[in-house]
Amino acid sequence: MKAALKLVSYAGLALTIVPAVLLYHGRIDDALYRNLMVLGMLVWFGSAIFWIRPDHAES
C-alpha cells in the first residue's frame, strides 16, 4: 500500500514539474498549464501525507 501511495505521489509531483517545462517550450497553453498544476498539487498533497508523516505509535 505504501509503495502505491509513493507512486501516486510522485506522479502528482511530476504533474507540477512537467507542465512548467512544456509551457516554457511553448508546447501547451496557459489554461492547460494551470489545470495540470492544480491537479498535480491536489494529487501530491492528497497522497503524500499518508507516507511522509512519521508514525506516532510510541505516544
PDB file of N, CA and C in Angstrom:
ATOM      1  N   MET A   1       0.824  -1.197   0.000  1.00  0.00           N
ATOM      2  CA  MET A   1       0.000   0.000   0.000  1.00  0.00           C
ATOM      3  C   MET A   1       0.865   1.256   0.000  1.00  0.00           C
ATOM      4  N   LYS A   2       1.923   1.249   0.803  1.00  0.00           N
ATOM      5  CA  LYS A   2       2.798   2.412   0.882  1.00  0.00           C
ATOM      6  C   LYS A   2       3.507   2.655  -0.450  1.00  0.00           C
ATOM      7  N   ALA A   3       3.876   1.597  -1.142  1.00  0.00           N
ATOM      8  CA  ALA A   3       4.543   1.743  -2.435  1.00  0.00           C
ATOM      9  C   ALA A   3       3.597   2.341  -3.472  1.00  0.00           C
ATOM     10  N   ALA A   4       2.334   1.956  -3.429  1.00  0.00           N
ATOM     11  CA  ALA A   4       1.351   2.518  -4.356  1.00  0.00           C
ATOM     12  C   ALA A   4       1.127   4.001  -4.073  1.00  0.00           C
ATOM     13  N   LEU A   5       1.088   4.369  -2.801  1.00  0.00           N
ATOM     14  CA  LEU A   5       0.937   5.778  -2.445  1.00  0.00           C
ATOM     15  C   LEU A   5       2.132   6.597  -2.907  1.00  0.00           C
ATOM     16  N   LYS A   6       3.311   6.038  -2.795  1.00  0.00           N
ATOM     17  CA  LYS A   6       4.502   6.740  -3.267  1.00  0.00           C
ATOM     18  C   LYS A   6       4.448   6.946  -4.774  1.00  0.00           C
ATOM     19  N   LEU A   7       4.009   5.932  -5.499  1.00  0.00           N
ATOM     20  CA  LEU A   7       3.912   6.034  -6.947  1.00  0.00           C
ATOM     21  C   LEU A   7       2.917   7.119  -7.355  1.00  0.00           C
ATOM     22  N   VAL A   8       1.762   7.150  -6.697  1.00  0.00           N
ATOM     23  CA  VAL A   8       0.756   8.175  -6.983  1.00  0.00           C
ATOM     24  C   VAL A   8       1.293   9.562  -6.615  1.00  0.00           C
ATOM     25  N   SER A   9       1.983   9.658  -5.485  1.00  0.00           N
ATOM     26  CA  SER A   9       2.542  10.938  -5.057  1.00  0.00           C
ATOM     27  C   SER A   9       3.568  11.464  -6.038  1.00  0.00           C
ATOM     28  N   TYR A  10       4.440  10.606  -6.496  1.00  0.00           N
ATOM     29  CA  TYR A  10       5.454  11.041  -7.446  1.00  0.00           C
ATOM     30  C   TYR A  10       4.848  11.397  -8.800  1.00  0.00           C
ATOM     31  N   ALA A  11       3.764  10.737  -9.174  1.00  0.00           N
ATOM     32  CA  ALA A  11       3.061  11.122 -10.404  1.00  0.00           C
ATOM     33  C   ALA A  11       2.475  12.524 -10.251  1.00  0.00           C
ATOM     34  N   GLY A  12       1.927  12.821  -9.072  1.00  0.00           N
ATOM     35  CA  GLY A  12       1.417  14.162  -8.814  1.00  0.00           C
ATOM     36  C   GLY A  12       2.522  15.189  -8.817  1.00  0.00           C
ATOM     37  N   LEU A  13       3.664  14.830  -8.283  1.00  0.00           N
ATOM     38  CA  LEU A  13       4.811  15.744  -8.294  1.00  0.00           C
ATOM     39  C   LEU A  13       5.295  16.001  -9.723  1.00  0.00           C
ATOM     40  N   ALA A  14       5.255  14.962 -10.539  1.00  0.00           N
ATOM     41  CA  ALA A  14       5.625  15.135 -11.953  1.00  0.00           C
ATOM     42  C   ALA A  14       4.646  16.066 -12.655  1.00  0.00           C
ATOM     43  N   LEU A  15       3.380  16.043 -12.236  1.00  0.00           N
ATOM     44  CA  LEU A  15       2.391  16.945 -12.816  1.00  0.00           C
ATOM     45  C   LEU A  15       2.605  18.393 -12.406  1.00  0.00           C
ATOM     46  N   THR A  16       3.474  18.638 -11.468  1.00  0.00           N
ATOM     47  CA  THR A  16       3.804  20.018 -11.126  1.00  0.00           C
ATOM     48  C   THR A  16       5.108  20.471 -11.781  1.00  0.00           C
ATOM     49  N   ILE A  17       5.888  19.542 -12.295  1.00  0.00           N
ATOM     50  CA  ILE A  17       7.166  19.886 -12.916  1.00  0.00           C
ATOM     51  C   ILE A  17       7.064  19.882 -14.439  1.00  0.00           C
ATOM     52  N   VAL A  18       6.498  18.839 -15.000  1.00  0.00           N
ATOM     53  CA  VAL A  18       6.444  18.685 -16.454  1.00  0.00           C
ATOM     54  C   VAL A  18       5.662  19.812 -17.137  1.00  0.00           C
ATOM     55  N   PRO A  19       4.487  20.229 -16.633  1.00  0.00           N
ATOM     56  CA  PRO A  19       3.777  21.323 -17.306  1.00  0.00           C
ATOM     57  C   PRO A  19       4.570  22.625 -17.374  1.00  0.00           C
ATOM     58  N   ALA A  20       5.367  22.909 -16.364  1.00  0.00           N
ATOM     59  CA  ALA A  20       6.181  24.127 -16.396  1.00  0.00           C
ATOM     60  C   ALA A  20       7.191  24.072 -17.538  1.00  0.00           C
ATOM     61  N   VAL A  21       7.797  22.927 -17.728  1.00  0.00           N
ATOM     62  CA  VAL A  21       8.756  22.765 -18.815  1.00  0.00           C
ATOM     63  C   VAL A  21       8.048  22.858 -20.164  1.00  0.00           C
ATOM     64  N   LEU A  22       6.876  22.223 -20.267  1.00  0.00           N
ATOM     65  CA  LEU A  22       6.130  22.265 -21.527  1.00  0.00           C
ATOM     66  C   LEU A  22       5.660  23.678 -21.857  1.00  0.00           C
ATOM     67  N   LEU A  23       5.245  24.424 -20.855  1.00  0.00           N
ATOM     68  CA  LEU A  23       4.842  25.809 -21.083  1.00  0.00           C
ATOM     69  C   LEU A  23       6.033  26.652 -21.519  1.00  0.00           C
ATOM     70  N   TYR A  24       7.158  26.446 -20.911  1.00  0.00           N
ATOM     71  CA  TYR A  24       8.368  27.186 -21.263  1.00  0.00           C
ATOM     72  C   TYR A  24       8.746  26.976 -22.732  1.00  0.00           C
ATOM     73  N   HIS A  25       8.577  25.742 -23.205  1.00  0.00           N
ATOM     74  CA  HIS A  25       8.929  25.421 -24.585  1.00  0.00           C
ATOM     75  C   HIS A  25       7.786  25.693 -25.557  1.00  0.00           C
ATOM     76  N   GLY A  26       6.657  26.199 -25.069  1.00  0.00           N
ATOM     77  CA  GLY A  26       5.544  26.557 -25.931  1.00  0.00           C
ATOM     78  C   GLY A  26       4.711  25.395 -26.423  1.00  0.00           C
ATOM     79  N   ARG A  27       4.767  24.261 -25.732  1.00  0.00           N
ATOM     80  CA  ARG A  27       4.025  23.068 -26.159  1.00  0.00           C
ATOM     81  C   ARG A  27       2.585  23.065 -25.676  1.00  0.00           C
ATOM     82  N   ILE A  28       2.292  23.762 -24.574  1.00  0.00           N
ATOM     83  CA  ILE A  28       0.929  23.824 -24.046  1.00  0.00           C
ATOM     84  C   ILE A  28       0.571  25.282 -23.775  1.00  0.00           C
ATOM     85  N   ASP A  29      -0.738  25.534 -23.683  1.00  0.00           N
ATOM     86  CA  ASP A  29      -1.164  26.908 -23.404  1.00  0.00           C
ATOM     87  C   ASP A  29      -1.325  27.108 -21.900  1.00  0.00           C
ATOM     88  N   ASP A  30      -1.588  28.343 -21.536  1.00  0.00           N
ATOM     89  CA  ASP A  30      -1.630  28.733 -20.130  1.00  0.00           C
ATOM     90  C   ASP A  30      -2.763  28.048 -19.363  1.00  0.00           C
ATOM     91  N   ALA A  31      -3.922  27.883 -19.982  1.00  0.00           N
ATOM     92  CA  ALA A  31      -5.062  27.259 -19.301  1.00  0.00           C
ATOM     93  C   ALA A  31      -4.769  25.801 -18.953  1.00  0.00           C
ATOM     94  N   LEU A  32      -4.201  25.061 -19.888  1.00  0.00           N
ATOM     95  CA  LEU A  32      -3.854  23.661 -19.625  1.00  0.00           C
ATOM     96  C   LEU A  32      -2.766  23.572 -18.566  1.00  0.00           C
ATOM     97  N   TYR A  33      -1.810  24.481 -18.628  1.00  0.00           N
ATOM     98  CA  TYR A  33      -0.744  24.532 -17.628  1.00  0.00           C
ATOM     99  C   TYR A  33      -1.316  24.690 -16.223  1.00  0.00           C
ATOM    100  N   ARG A  34      -2.213  25.629 -16.056  1.00  0.00           N
ATOM    101  CA  ARG A  34      -2.804  25.866 -14.737  1.00  0.00           C
ATOM    102  C   ARG A  34      -3.609  24.670 -14.253  1.00  0.00           C
ATOM    103  N   ASN A  35      -4.378  24.054 -15.142  1.00  0.00           N
ATOM    104  CA  ASN A  35      -5.175  22.886 -14.760  1.00  0.00           C
ATOM    105  C   ASN A  35      -4.289  21.718 -14.340  1.00  0.00           C
ATOM    106  N   LEU A  36      -3.223  21.473 -15.072  1.00  0.00           N
ATOM    107  CA  LEU A  36      -2.318  20.381 -14.723  1.00  0.00           C
ATOM    108  C   LEU A  36      -1.585  20.648 -13.406  1.00  0.00           C
ATOM    109  N   MET A  37      -1.217  21.900 -13.181  1.00  0.00           N
ATOM    110  CA  MET A  37      -0.546  22.248 -11.933  1.00  0.00           C
ATOM    111  C   MET A  37      -1.474  22.048 -10.733  1.00  0.00           C
ATOM    112  N   VAL A  38      -2.718  22.453 -10.856  1.00  0.00           N
ATOM    113  CA  VAL A  38      -3.680  22.267  -9.760  1.00  0.00           C
ATOM    114  C   VAL A  38      -3.926  20.778  -9.527  1.00  0.00           C
ATOM    115  N   LEU A  39      -4.087  20.017 -10.591  1.00  0.00           N
ATOM    116  CA  LEU A  39      -4.279  18.573 -10.451  1.00  0.00           C
ATOM    117  C   LEU A  39      -3.075  17.924  -9.779  1.00  0.00           C
ATOM    118  N   GLY A  40      -1.879  18.288 -10.204  1.00  0.00           N
ATOM    119  CA  GLY A  40      -0.674  17.735  -9.594  1.00  0.00           C
ATOM    120  C   GLY A  40      -0.554  18.089  -8.132  1.00  0.00           C
ATOM    121  N   MET A  41      -0.903  19.333  -7.779  1.00  0.00           N
ATOM    122  CA  MET A  41      -0.855  19.759  -6.381  1.00  0.00           C
ATOM    123  C   MET A  41      -1.824  18.946  -5.528  1.00  0.00           C
ATOM    124  N   LEU A  42      -3.036  18.768  -6.023  1.00  0.00           N
ATOM    125  CA  LEU A  42      -4.033  18.018  -5.266  1.00  0.00           C
ATOM    126  C   LEU A  42      -3.632  16.551  -5.093  1.00  0.00           C
ATOM    127  N   VAL A  43      -3.105  15.956  -6.146  1.00  0.00           N
ATOM    128  CA  VAL A  43      -2.666  14.556  -6.066  1.00  0.00           C
ATOM    129  C   VAL A  43      -1.493  14.428  -5.104  1.00  0.00           C
ATOM    130  N   TRP A  44      -0.513  15.324  -5.198  1.00  0.00           N
ATOM    131  CA  TRP A  44       0.658  15.257  -4.325  1.00  0.00           C
ATOM    132  C   TRP A  44       0.272  15.404  -2.859  1.00  0.00           C
ATOM    133  N   PHE A  45      -0.424  16.492  -2.525  1.00  0.00           N
ATOM    134  CA  PHE A  45      -0.760  16.725  -1.126  1.00  0.00           C
ATOM    135  C   PHE A  45      -1.806  15.737  -0.613  1.00  0.00           C
ATOM    136  N   GLY A  46      -2.637  15.210  -1.494  1.00  0.00           N
ATOM    137  CA  GLY A  46      -3.642  14.242  -1.076  1.00  0.00           C
ATOM    138  C   GLY A  46      -3.086  12.862  -0.786  1.00  0.00           C
ATOM    139  N   SER A  47      -1.967  12.527  -1.405  1.00  0.00           N
ATOM    140  CA  SER A  47      -1.429  11.174  -1.212  1.00  0.00           C
ATOM    141  C   SER A  47      -0.130  11.143  -0.406  1.00  0.00           C
ATOM    142  N   ALA A  48       0.681  12.173  -0.493  1.00  0.00           N
ATOM    143  CA  ALA A  48       1.980  12.157   0.184  1.00  0.00           C
ATOM    144  C   ALA A  48       1.843  12.223   1.702  1.00  0.00           C
ATOM    145  N   ILE A  49       0.772  12.813   2.173  1.00  0.00           N
ATOM    146  CA  ILE A  49       0.587  12.958   3.622  1.00  0.00           C
ATOM    147  C   ILE A  49       0.530  11.596   4.329  1.00  0.00           C
ATOM    148  N   PHE A  50       0.119  10.566   3.607  1.00  0.00           N
ATOM    149  CA  PHE A  50      -0.060   9.258   4.235  1.00  0.00           C
ATOM    150  C   PHE A  50       1.230   8.459   4.364  1.00  0.00           C
ATOM    151  N   TRP A  51       2.260   8.793   3.602  1.00  0.00           N
ATOM    152  CA  TRP A  51       3.501   8.028   3.734  1.00  0.00           C
ATOM    153  C   TRP A  51       4.685   8.872   4.169  1.00  0.00           C
ATOM    154  N   ILE A  52       4.572  10.185   4.176  1.00  0.00           N
ATOM    155  CA  ILE A  52       5.690  11.022   4.607  1.00  0.00           C
ATOM    156  C   ILE A  52       5.681  11.242   6.117  1.00  0.00           C
ATOM    157  N   ARG A  53       4.517  11.364   6.695  1.00  0.00           N
ATOM    158  CA  ARG A  53       4.447  11.663   8.128  1.00  0.00           C
ATOM    159  C   ARG A  53       4.997  10.494   8.955  1.00  0.00           C
ATOM    160  N   PRO A  54       5.677  10.807  10.024  1.00  0.00           N
ATOM    161  CA  PRO A  54       6.218   9.732  10.885  1.00  0.00           C
ATOM    162  C   PRO A  54       5.095   9.074  11.676  1.00  0.00           C
ATOM    163  N   ASP A  55       5.299   7.834  12.003  1.00  0.00           N
ATOM    164  CA  ASP A  55       4.325   7.125  12.849  1.00  0.00           C
ATOM    165  C   ASP A  55       4.483   7.584  14.291  1.00  0.00           C
ATOM    166  N   HIS A  56       3.386   7.828  14.926  1.00  0.00           N
ATOM    167  CA  HIS A  56       3.382   8.258  16.329  1.00  0.00           C
ATOM    168  C   HIS A  56       2.899   7.114  17.210  1.00  0.00           C
ATOM    169  N   ALA A  57       3.423   5.915  16.983  1.00  0.00           N
ATOM    170  CA  ALA A  57       2.989   4.739  17.731  1.00  0.00           C
ATOM    171  C   ALA A  57       3.503   4.773  19.172  1.00  0.00           C
ATOM    172  N   GLU A  58       4.630   5.429  19.425  1.00  0.00           N
ATOM    173  CA  GLU A  58       5.198   5.430  20.759  1.00  0.00           C
ATOM    174  C   GLU A  58       4.381   6.293  21.729  1.00  0.00           C
ATOM    175  N   SER A  59       3.704   7.299  21.243  1.00  0.00           N
ATOM    176  CA  SER A  59       2.981   8.230  22.129  1.00  0.00           C
ATOM    177  C   SER A  59       1.740   7.610  22.701  1.00  0.00           C
TER     178      SER A  59
END
